[in-house]
Amino acid sequence: MEFESRLDKSSEIRHLLRTVKTALELAVVARAPADLLNRLARPAGLLEAVSQLPVEGTPSETLVPELLIDARAAVDRWEAWIKLRGPLA
């Protein structure tokens, strides 16, 4: 069961990393405001680093829950911004 929990957390981190990186790339192309780019770039970089490390029993373990929340919030903010802006040309 513990192995499955670690696997689930690692999968969640990798999936969210792909989502945040894609949102960041699209935000750059869409010329999103710097604040939005920074909100996406921070969790993208941290998720990249954390995805390369073991999470359980390490200092990164305390970082991960808040990082996941920040990453999801950044993607939500991106989705709201692009919805208001309209489709990319």
PDB file of N, CA and C in Angstrom:
ATOM      1  N   MET A   1       0.819  -1.201   0.000  1.00  0.00           N
ATOM      2  CA  MET A   1       0.000   0.000   0.000  1.00  0.00           C
ATOM      3  C   MET A   1       0.864   1.267   0.000  1.00  0.00           C
ATOM      4  N   GLU A   2       1.946   1.252   0.775  1.00  0.00           N
ATOM      5  CA  GLU A   2       2.834   2.410   0.831  1.00  0.00           C
ATOM      6  C   GLU A   2       3.465   2.670  -0.534  1.00  0.00           C
ATOM      7  N   PHE A   3       3.843   1.593  -1.228  1.00  0.00           N
ATOM      8  CA  PHE A   3       4.421   1.724  -2.574  1.00  0.00           C
ATOM      9  C   PHE A   3       3.418   2.381  -3.513  1.00  0.00           C
ATOM     10  N   GLU A   4       2.152   1.953  -3.437  1.00  0.00           N
ATOM     11  CA  GLU A   4       1.117   2.536  -4.300  1.00  0.00           C
ATOM     12  C   GLU A   4       0.942   4.020  -4.009  1.00  0.00           C
ATOM     13  N   SER A   5       1.024   4.397  -2.746  1.00  0.00           N
ATOM     14  CA  SER A   5       0.889   5.797  -2.366  1.00  0.00           C
ATOM     15  C   SER A   5       2.014   6.634  -2.964  1.00  0.00           C
ATOM     16  N   ARG A   6       3.250   6.104  -2.896  1.00  0.00           N
ATOM     17  CA  ARG A   6       4.382   6.818  -3.491  1.00  0.00           C
ATOM     18  C   ARG A   6       4.242   6.906  -5.005  1.00  0.00           C
ATOM     19  N   LEU A   7       3.782   5.806  -5.604  1.00  0.00           N
ATOM     20  CA  LEU A   7       3.584   5.779  -7.053  1.00  0.00           C
ATOM     21  C   LEU A   7       2.514   6.785  -7.460  1.00  0.00           C
ATOM     22  N   ASP A   8       1.418   6.845  -6.704  1.00  0.00           N
ATOM     23  CA  ASP A   8       0.351   7.802  -6.993  1.00  0.00           C
ATOM     24  C   ASP A   8       0.865   9.233  -6.898  1.00  0.00           C
ATOM     25  N   LYS A   9       1.644   9.537  -5.853  1.00  0.00           N
ATOM     26  CA  LYS A   9       2.172  10.889  -5.671  1.00  0.00           C
ATOM     27  C   LYS A   9       3.136  11.236  -6.806  1.00  0.00           C
ATOM     28  N   SER A  10       3.992  10.299  -7.185  1.00  0.00           N
ATOM     29  CA  SER A  10       4.929  10.540  -8.288  1.00  0.00           C
ATOM     30  C   SER A  10       4.180  10.757  -9.599  1.00  0.00           C
ATOM     31  N   SER A  11       3.147   9.963  -9.832  1.00  0.00           N
ATOM     32  CA  SER A  11       2.344  10.120 -11.047  1.00  0.00           C
ATOM     33  C   SER A  11       1.634  11.457 -11.056  1.00  0.00           C
ATOM     34  N   GLU A  12       1.105  11.848  -9.907  1.00  0.00           N
ATOM     35  CA  GLU A  12       0.416  13.129  -9.796  1.00  0.00           C
ATOM     36  C   GLU A  12       1.382  14.282 -10.095  1.00  0.00           C
ATOM     37  N   ILE A  13       2.592  14.190  -9.558  1.00  0.00           N
ATOM     38  CA  ILE A  13       3.588  15.231  -9.784  1.00  0.00           C
ATOM     39  C   ILE A  13       3.948  15.305 -11.264  1.00  0.00           C
ATOM     40  N   ARG A  14       4.218  14.161 -11.891  1.00  0.00           N
ATOM     41  CA  ARG A  14       4.589  14.160 -13.313  1.00  0.00           C
ATOM     42  C   ARG A  14       3.458  14.675 -14.195  1.00  0.00           C
ATOM     43  N   HIS A  15       2.234  14.258 -13.909  1.00  0.00           N
ATOM     44  CA  HIS A  15       1.088  14.713 -14.705  1.00  0.00           C
ATOM     45  C   HIS A  15       0.903  16.221 -14.570  1.00  0.00           C
ATOM     46  N   LEU A  16       0.963  16.712 -13.342  1.00  0.00           N
ATOM     47  CA  LEU A  16       0.786  18.142 -13.120  1.00  0.00           C
ATOM     48  C   LEU A  16       1.944  18.925 -13.739  1.00  0.00           C
ATOM     49  N   LEU A  17       3.138  18.370 -13.696  1.00  0.00           N
ATOM     50  CA  LEU A  17       4.283  19.023 -14.334  1.00  0.00           C
ATOM     51  C   LEU A  17       4.027  19.204 -15.826  1.00  0.00           C
ATOM     52  N   ARG A  18       3.556  18.159 -16.492  1.00  0.00           N
ATOM     53  CA  ARG A  18       3.251  18.283 -17.932  1.00  0.00           C
ATOM     54  C   ARG A  18       2.196  19.350 -18.170  1.00  0.00           C
ATOM     55  N   THR A  19       1.171  19.369 -17.342  1.00  0.00           N
ATOM     56  CA  THR A  19       0.089  20.342 -17.487  1.00  0.00           C
ATOM     57  C   THR A  19       0.597  21.767 -17.309  1.00  0.00           C
ATOM     58  N   VAL A  20       1.398  21.988 -16.276  1.00  0.00           N
ATOM     59  CA  VAL A  20       1.910  23.332 -15.994  1.00  0.00           C
ATOM     60  C   VAL A  20       2.878  23.777 -17.089  1.00  0.00           C
ATOM     61  N   LYS A  21       3.746  22.881 -17.542  1.00  0.00           N
ATOM     62  CA  LYS A  21       4.694  23.249 -18.595  1.00  0.00           C
ATOM     63  C   LYS A  21       3.968  23.597 -19.891  1.00  0.00           C
ATOM     64  N   THR A  22       2.931  22.844 -20.216  1.00  0.00           N
ATOM     65  CA  THR A  22       2.147  23.150 -21.416  1.00  0.00           C
ATOM     66  C   THR A  22       1.468  24.507 -21.278  1.00  0.00           C
ATOM     67  N   ALA A  23       0.869  24.752 -20.116  1.00  0.00           N
ATOM     68  CA  ALA A  23       0.216  26.041 -19.878  1.00  0.00           C
ATOM     69  C   ALA A  23       1.228  27.175 -19.985  1.00  0.00           C
ATOM     70  N   LEU A  24       2.421  26.977 -19.436  1.00  0.00           N
ATOM     71  CA  LEU A  24       3.460  28.006 -19.503  1.00  0.00           C
ATOM     72  C   LEU A  24       3.866  28.277 -20.946  1.00  0.00           C
ATOM     73  N   GLU A  25       4.074  27.244 -21.717  1.00  0.00           N
ATOM     74  CA  GLU A  25       4.446  27.426 -23.129  1.00  0.00           C
ATOM     75  C   GLU A  25       3.357  28.184 -23.888  1.00  0.00           C
ATOM     76  N   LEU A  26       2.110  27.805 -23.663  1.00  0.00           N
ATOM     77  CA  LEU A  26       1.003  28.494 -24.331  1.00  0.00           C
ATOM     78  C   LEU A  26       0.890  29.938 -23.860  1.00  0.00           C
ATOM     79  N   ALA A  27       1.142  30.170 -22.579  1.00  0.00           N
ATOM     80  CA  ALA A  27       1.079  31.532 -22.040  1.00  0.00           C
ATOM     81  C   ALA A  27       2.156  32.413 -22.662  1.00  0.00           C
ATOM     82  N   VAL A  28       3.334  31.857 -22.880  1.00  0.00           N
ATOM     83  CA  VAL A  28       4.407  32.622 -23.522  1.00  0.00           C
ATOM     84  C   VAL A  28       3.985  33.004 -24.940  1.00  0.00           C
ATOM     85  N   VAL A  29       3.474  32.025 -25.686  1.00  0.00           N
ATOM     86  CA  VAL A  29       3.040  32.272 -27.067  1.00  0.00           C
ATOM     87  C   VAL A  29       1.896  33.294 -27.101  1.00  0.00           C
ATOM     88  N   ALA A  30       1.013  33.224 -26.122  1.00  0.00           N
ATOM     89  CA  ALA A  30      -0.139  34.131 -26.073  1.00  0.00           C
ATOM     90  C   ALA A  30       0.216  35.509 -25.523  1.00  0.00           C
ATOM     91  N   ARG A  31       1.485  35.685 -25.157  1.00  0.00           N
ATOM     92  CA  ARG A  31       1.943  36.947 -24.570  1.00  0.00           C
ATOM     93  C   ARG A  31       1.132  37.322 -23.337  1.00  0.00           C
ATOM     94  N   ALA A  32       0.995  36.335 -22.466  1.00  0.00           N
ATOM     95  CA  ALA A  32       0.281  36.556 -21.207  1.00  0.00           C
ATOM     96  C   ALA A  32       1.065  37.546 -20.347  1.00  0.00           C
ATOM     97  N   PRO A  33       0.385  38.181 -19.417  1.00  0.00           N
ATOM     98  CA  PRO A  33       1.072  39.134 -18.535  1.00  0.00           C
ATOM     99  C   PRO A  33       2.192  38.445 -17.738  1.00  0.00           C
ATOM    100  N   ALA A  34       3.204  39.224 -17.396  1.00  0.00           N
ATOM    101  CA  ALA A  34       4.363  38.690 -16.670  1.00  0.00           C
ATOM    102  C   ALA A  34       3.962  38.015 -15.364  1.00  0.00           C
ATOM    103  N   ASP A  35       2.989  38.574 -14.678  1.00  0.00           N
ATOM    104  CA  ASP A  35       2.548  37.972 -13.416  1.00  0.00           C
ATOM    105  C   ASP A  35       2.048  36.549 -13.636  1.00  0.00           C
ATOM    106  N   LEU A  36       1.291  36.340 -14.684  1.00  0.00           N
ATOM    107  CA  LEU A  36       0.771  35.008 -14.990  1.00  0.00           C
ATOM    108  C   LEU A  36       1.905  34.066 -15.396  1.00  0.00           C
ATOM    109  N   LEU A  37       2.829  34.555 -16.192  1.00  0.00           N
ATOM    110  CA  LEU A  37       3.986  33.737 -16.572  1.00  0.00           C
ATOM    111  C   LEU A  37       4.779  33.310 -15.339  1.00  0.00           C
ATOM    112  N   ASN A  38       4.992  34.244 -14.427  1.00  0.00           N
ATOM    113  CA  ASN A  38       5.729  33.920 -13.199  1.00  0.00           C
ATOM    114  C   ASN A  38       4.979  32.920 -12.330  1.00  0.00           C
ATOM    115  N   ARG A  39       3.669  33.062 -12.271  1.00  0.00           N
ATOM    116  CA  ARG A  39       2.868  32.124 -11.475  1.00  0.00           C
ATOM    117  C   ARG A  39       2.920  30.711 -12.046  1.00  0.00           C
ATOM    118  N   LEU A  40       3.096  30.581 -13.340  1.00  0.00           N
ATOM    119  CA  LEU A  40       3.240  29.268 -13.970  1.00  0.00           C
ATOM    120  C   LEU A  40       4.684  28.763 -13.899  1.00  0.00           C
ATOM    121  N   ALA A  41       5.632  29.668 -14.064  1.00  0.00           N
ATOM    122  CA  ALA A  41       7.041  29.269 -14.120  1.00  0.00           C
ATOM    123  C   ALA A  41       7.539  28.746 -12.777  1.00  0.00           C
ATOM    124  N   ARG A  42       7.128  29.365 -11.694  1.00  0.00           N
ATOM    125  CA  ARG A  42       7.595  28.926 -10.373  1.00  0.00           C
ATOM    126  C   ARG A  42       7.245  27.470 -10.114  1.00  0.00           C
ATOM    127  N   PRO A  43       5.956  27.080 -10.185  1.00  0.00           N
ATOM    128  CA  PRO A  43       5.663  25.670  -9.923  1.00  0.00           C
ATOM    129  C   PRO A  43       6.226  24.732 -10.991  1.00  0.00           C
ATOM    130  N   ALA A  44       6.363  25.223 -12.233  1.00  0.00           N
ATOM    131  CA  ALA A  44       6.948  24.371 -13.274  1.00  0.00           C
ATOM    132  C   ALA A  44       8.378  23.997 -12.903  1.00  0.00           C
ATOM    133  N   GLY A  45       9.158  24.967 -12.483  1.00  0.00           N
ATOM    134  CA  GLY A  45      10.538  24.711 -12.098  1.00  0.00           C
ATOM    135  C   GLY A  45      10.646  23.836 -10.866  1.00  0.00           C
ATOM    136  N   LEU A  46       9.834  24.130  -9.870  1.00  0.00           N
ATOM    137  CA  LEU A  46       9.873  23.332  -8.642  1.00  0.00           C
ATOM    138  C   LEU A  46       9.375  21.914  -8.869  1.00  0.00           C
ATOM    139  N   LEU A  47       8.316  21.760  -9.650  1.00  0.00           N
ATOM    140  CA  LEU A  47       7.829  20.408  -9.959  1.00  0.00           C
ATOM    141  C   LEU A  47       8.872  19.623 -10.733  1.00  0.00           C
ATOM    142  N   GLU A  48       9.575  20.292 -11.633  1.00  0.00           N
ATOM    143  CA  GLU A  48      10.646  19.634 -12.389  1.00  0.00           C
ATOM    144  C   GLU A  48      11.705  19.108 -11.424  1.00  0.00           C
ATOM    145  N   ALA A  49      12.114  19.932 -10.486  1.00  0.00           N
ATOM    146  CA  ALA A  49      13.133  19.519  -9.520  1.00  0.00           C
ATOM    147  C   ALA A  49      12.624  18.397  -8.625  1.00  0.00           C
ATOM    148  N   VAL A  50      11.421  18.551  -8.102  1.00  0.00           N
ATOM    149  CA  VAL A  50      10.855  17.551  -7.190  1.00  0.00           C
ATOM    150  C   VAL A  50      10.624  16.225  -7.904  1.00  0.00           C
ATOM    151  N   SER A  51      10.277  16.270  -9.177  1.00  0.00           N
ATOM    152  CA  SER A  51      10.014  15.036  -9.914  1.00  0.00           C
ATOM    153  C   SER A  51      11.272  14.188 -10.069  1.00  0.00           C
ATOM    154  N   GLN A  52      12.433  14.803  -9.904  1.00  0.00           N
ATOM    155  CA  GLN A  52      13.703  14.090 -10.026  1.00  0.00           C
ATOM    156  C   GLN A  52      14.190  13.517  -8.695  1.00  0.00           C
ATOM    157  N   LEU A  53      13.487  13.848  -7.607  1.00  0.00           N
ATOM    158  CA  LEU A  53      13.914  13.442  -6.273  1.00  0.00           C
ATOM    159  C   LEU A  53      12.917  12.479  -5.645  1.00  0.00           C
ATOM    160  N   PRO A  54      13.383  11.654  -4.713  1.00  0.00           N
ATOM    161  CA  PRO A  54      12.417  10.889  -3.928  1.00  0.00           C
ATOM    162  C   PRO A  54      11.664  11.865  -3.023  1.00  0.00           C
ATOM    163  N   VAL A  55      10.380  11.669  -2.869  1.00  0.00           N
ATOM    164  CA  VAL A  55       9.568  12.592  -2.085  1.00  0.00           C
ATOM    165  C   VAL A  55       9.446  12.129  -0.639  1.00  0.00           C
ATOM    166  N   GLU A  56       9.117  10.874  -0.446  1.00  0.00           N
ATOM    167  CA  GLU A  56       8.886  10.335   0.890  1.00  0.00           C
ATOM    168  C   GLU A  56      10.135  10.441   1.763  1.00  0.00           C
ATOM    169  N   GLY A  57       9.974  10.990   2.957  1.00  0.00           N
ATOM    170  CA  GLY A  57      11.055  11.028   3.925  1.00  0.00           C
ATOM    171  C   GLY A  57      12.184  11.986   3.597  1.00  0.00           C
ATOM    172  N   THR A  58      11.942  12.951   2.723  1.00  0.00           N
ATOM    173  CA  THR A  58      12.975  13.921   2.357  1.00  0.00           C
ATOM    174  C   THR A  58      12.442  15.328   2.611  1.00  0.00           C
ATOM    175  N   PRO A  59      13.322  16.324   2.587  1.00  0.00           N
ATOM    176  CA  PRO A  59      12.848  17.707   2.773  1.00  0.00           C
ATOM    177  C   PRO A  59      11.785  18.122   1.749  1.00  0.00           C
ATOM    178  N   SER A  60      11.846  17.559   0.549  1.00  0.00           N
ATOM    179  CA  SER A  60      10.858  17.939  -0.465  1.00  0.00           C
ATOM    180  C   SER A  60       9.455  17.461  -0.107  1.00  0.00           C
ATOM    181  N   GLU A  61       9.350  16.499   0.799  1.00  0.00           N
ATOM    182  CA  GLU A  61       8.037  15.985   1.193  1.00  0.00           C
ATOM    183  C   GLU A  61       7.150  17.086   1.773  1.00  0.00           C
ATOM    184  N   THR A  62       7.740  18.006   2.528  1.00  0.00           N
ATOM    185  CA  THR A  62       6.950  19.092   3.118  1.00  0.00           C
ATOM    186  C   THR A  62       6.600  20.153   2.084  1.00  0.00           C
ATOM    187  N   LEU A  63       7.361  20.217   1.011  1.00  0.00           N
ATOM    188  CA  LEU A  63       7.130  21.203  -0.046  1.00  0.00           C
ATOM    189  C   LEU A  63       6.004  20.793  -0.988  1.00  0.00           C
ATOM    190  N   VAL A  64       5.843  19.495  -1.198  1.00  0.00           N
ATOM    191  CA  VAL A  64       4.966  18.990  -2.254  1.00  0.00           C
ATOM    192  C   VAL A  64       3.494  19.385  -2.105  1.00  0.00           C
ATOM    193  N   PRO A  65       2.854  19.227  -0.943  1.00  0.00           N
ATOM    194  CA  PRO A  65       1.413  19.551  -0.883  1.00  0.00           C
ATOM    195  C   PRO A  65       1.095  20.984  -1.309  1.00  0.00           C
ATOM    196  N   GLU A  66       1.845  21.942  -0.788  1.00  0.00           N
ATOM    197  CA  GLU A  66       1.593  23.339  -1.157  1.00  0.00           C
ATOM    198  C   GLU A  66       1.960  23.603  -2.616  1.00  0.00           C
ATOM    199  N   LEU A  67       2.999  22.938  -3.090  1.00  0.00           N
ATOM    200  CA  LEU A  67       3.408  23.080  -4.483  1.00  0.00           C
ATOM    201  C   LEU A  67       2.319  22.589  -5.423  1.00  0.00           C
ATOM    202  N   LEU A  68       1.698  21.475  -5.105  1.00  0.00           N
ATOM    203  CA  LEU A  68       0.610  20.957  -5.936  1.00  0.00           C
ATOM    204  C   LEU A  68      -0.568  21.941  -5.961  1.00  0.00           C
ATOM    205  N   ILE A  69      -0.867  22.520  -4.824  1.00  0.00           N
ATOM    206  CA  ILE A  69      -1.950  23.517  -4.746  1.00  0.00           C
ATOM    207  C   ILE A  69      -1.603  24.737  -5.591  1.00  0.00           C
ATOM    208  N   ASP A  70      -0.364  25.229  -5.458  1.00  0.00           N
ATOM    209  CA  ASP A  70       0.073  26.398  -6.241  1.00  0.00           C
ATOM    210  C   ASP A  70       0.035  26.117  -7.739  1.00  0.00           C
ATOM    211  N   ALA A  71       0.479  24.924  -8.118  1.00  0.00           N
ATOM    212  CA  ALA A  71       0.508  24.565  -9.537  1.00  0.00           C
ATOM    213  C   ALA A  71      -0.905  24.514 -10.112  1.00  0.00           C
ATOM    214  N   ARG A  72      -1.813  23.882  -9.394  1.00  0.00           N
ATOM    215  CA  ARG A  72      -3.206  23.817  -9.866  1.00  0.00           C
ATOM    216  C   ARG A  72      -3.822  25.212  -9.948  1.00  0.00           C
ATOM    217  N   ALA A  73      -3.537  26.046  -8.962  1.00  0.00           N
ATOM    218  CA  ALA A  73      -4.069  27.417  -8.968  1.00  0.00           C
ATOM    219  C   ALA A  73      -3.520  28.207 -10.153  1.00  0.00           C
ATOM    220  N   ALA A  74      -2.248  28.015 -10.481  1.00  0.00           N
ATOM    221  CA  ALA A  74      -1.648  28.713 -11.614  1.00  0.00           C
ATOM    222  C   ALA A  74      -2.292  28.273 -12.925  1.00  0.00           C
ATOM    223  N   VAL A  75      -2.529  26.982 -13.066  1.00  0.00           N
ATOM    224  CA  VAL A  75      -3.187  26.477 -14.279  1.00  0.00           C
ATOM    225  C   VAL A  75      -4.616  27.008 -14.349  1.00  0.00           C
ATOM    226  N   ASP A  76      -5.316  27.028 -13.235  1.00  0.00           N
ATOM    227  CA  ASP A  76      -6.679  27.585 -13.203  1.00  0.00           C
ATOM    228  C   ASP A  76      -6.674  29.054 -13.622  1.00  0.00           C
ATOM    229  N   ARG A  77      -5.693  29.794 -13.127  1.00  0.00           N
ATOM    230  CA  ARG A  77      -5.586  31.218 -13.480  1.00  0.00           C
ATOM    231  C   ARG A  77      -5.319  31.376 -14.976  1.00  0.00           C
ATOM    232  N   TRP A  78      -4.443  30.526 -15.523  1.00  0.00           N
ATOM    233  CA  TRP A  78      -4.164  30.545 -16.960  1.00  0.00           C
ATOM    234  C   TRP A  78      -5.436  30.263 -17.747  1.00  0.00           C
ATOM    235  N   GLU A  79      -6.159  29.226 -17.357  1.00  0.00           N
ATOM    236  CA  GLU A  79      -7.384  28.861 -18.076  1.00  0.00           C
ATOM    237  C   GLU A  79      -8.415  29.982 -18.020  1.00  0.00           C
ATOM    238  N   ALA A  80      -8.517  30.660 -16.890  1.00  0.00           N
ATOM    239  CA  ALA A  80      -9.450  31.785 -16.772  1.00  0.00           C
ATOM    240  C   ALA A  80      -9.000  32.945 -17.663  1.00  0.00           C
ATOM    241  N   TRP A  81      -7.701  33.214 -17.693  1.00  0.00           N
ATOM    242  CA  TRP A  81      -7.180  34.314 -18.511  1.00  0.00           C
ATOM    243  C   TRP A  81      -7.427  34.054 -19.992  1.00  0.00           C
ATOM    244  N   ILE A  82      -7.125  32.847 -20.436  1.00  0.00           N
ATOM    245  CA  ILE A  82      -7.283  32.540 -21.861  1.00  0.00           C
ATOM    246  C   ILE A  82      -8.762  32.528 -22.251  1.00  0.00           C
ATOM    247  N   LYS A  83      -9.615  32.129 -21.331  1.00  0.00           N
ATOM    248  CA  LYS A  83     -11.052  32.121 -21.612  1.00  0.00           C
ATOM    249  C   LYS A  83     -11.549  33.563 -21.810  1.00  0.00           C
ATOM    250  N   LEU A  84     -11.080  34.472 -20.979  1.00  0.00           N
ATOM    251  CA  LEU A  84     -11.461  35.886 -21.108  1.00  0.00           C
ATOM    252  C   LEU A  84     -10.865  36.515 -22.372  1.00  0.00           C
ATOM    253  N   ARG A  85      -9.649  36.102 -22.706  1.00  0.00           N
ATOM    254  CA  ARG A  85      -8.952  36.673 -23.854  1.00  0.00           C
ATOM    255  C   ARG A  85      -9.516  36.172 -25.180  1.00  0.00           C
ATOM    256  N   GLY A  86      -9.959  34.932 -25.194  1.00  0.00           N
ATOM    257  CA  GLY A  86     -10.449  34.348 -26.422  1.00  0.00           C
ATOM    258  C   GLY A  86      -9.407  33.419 -27.018  1.00  0.00           C
ATOM    259  N   PRO A  87      -9.746  32.760 -28.099  1.00  0.00           N
ATOM    260  CA  PRO A  87      -8.824  31.773 -28.700  1.00  0.00           C
ATOM    261  C   PRO A  87      -7.560  32.430 -29.249  1.00  0.00           C
ATOM    262  N   LEU A  88      -6.493  31.639 -29.254  1.00  0.00           N
ATOM    263  CA  LEU A  88      -5.237  32.131 -29.838  1.00  0.00           C
ATOM    264  C   LEU A  88      -5.384  32.210 -31.345  1.00  0.00           C
ATOM    265  N   ALA A  89      -4.768  33.197 -31.928  1.00  0.00           N
ATOM    266  CA  ALA A  89      -4.863  33.392 -33.382  1.00  0.00           C
ATOM    267  C   ALA A  89      -3.935  32.463 -34.118  1.00  0.00           C
TER     268      ALA A  89
END
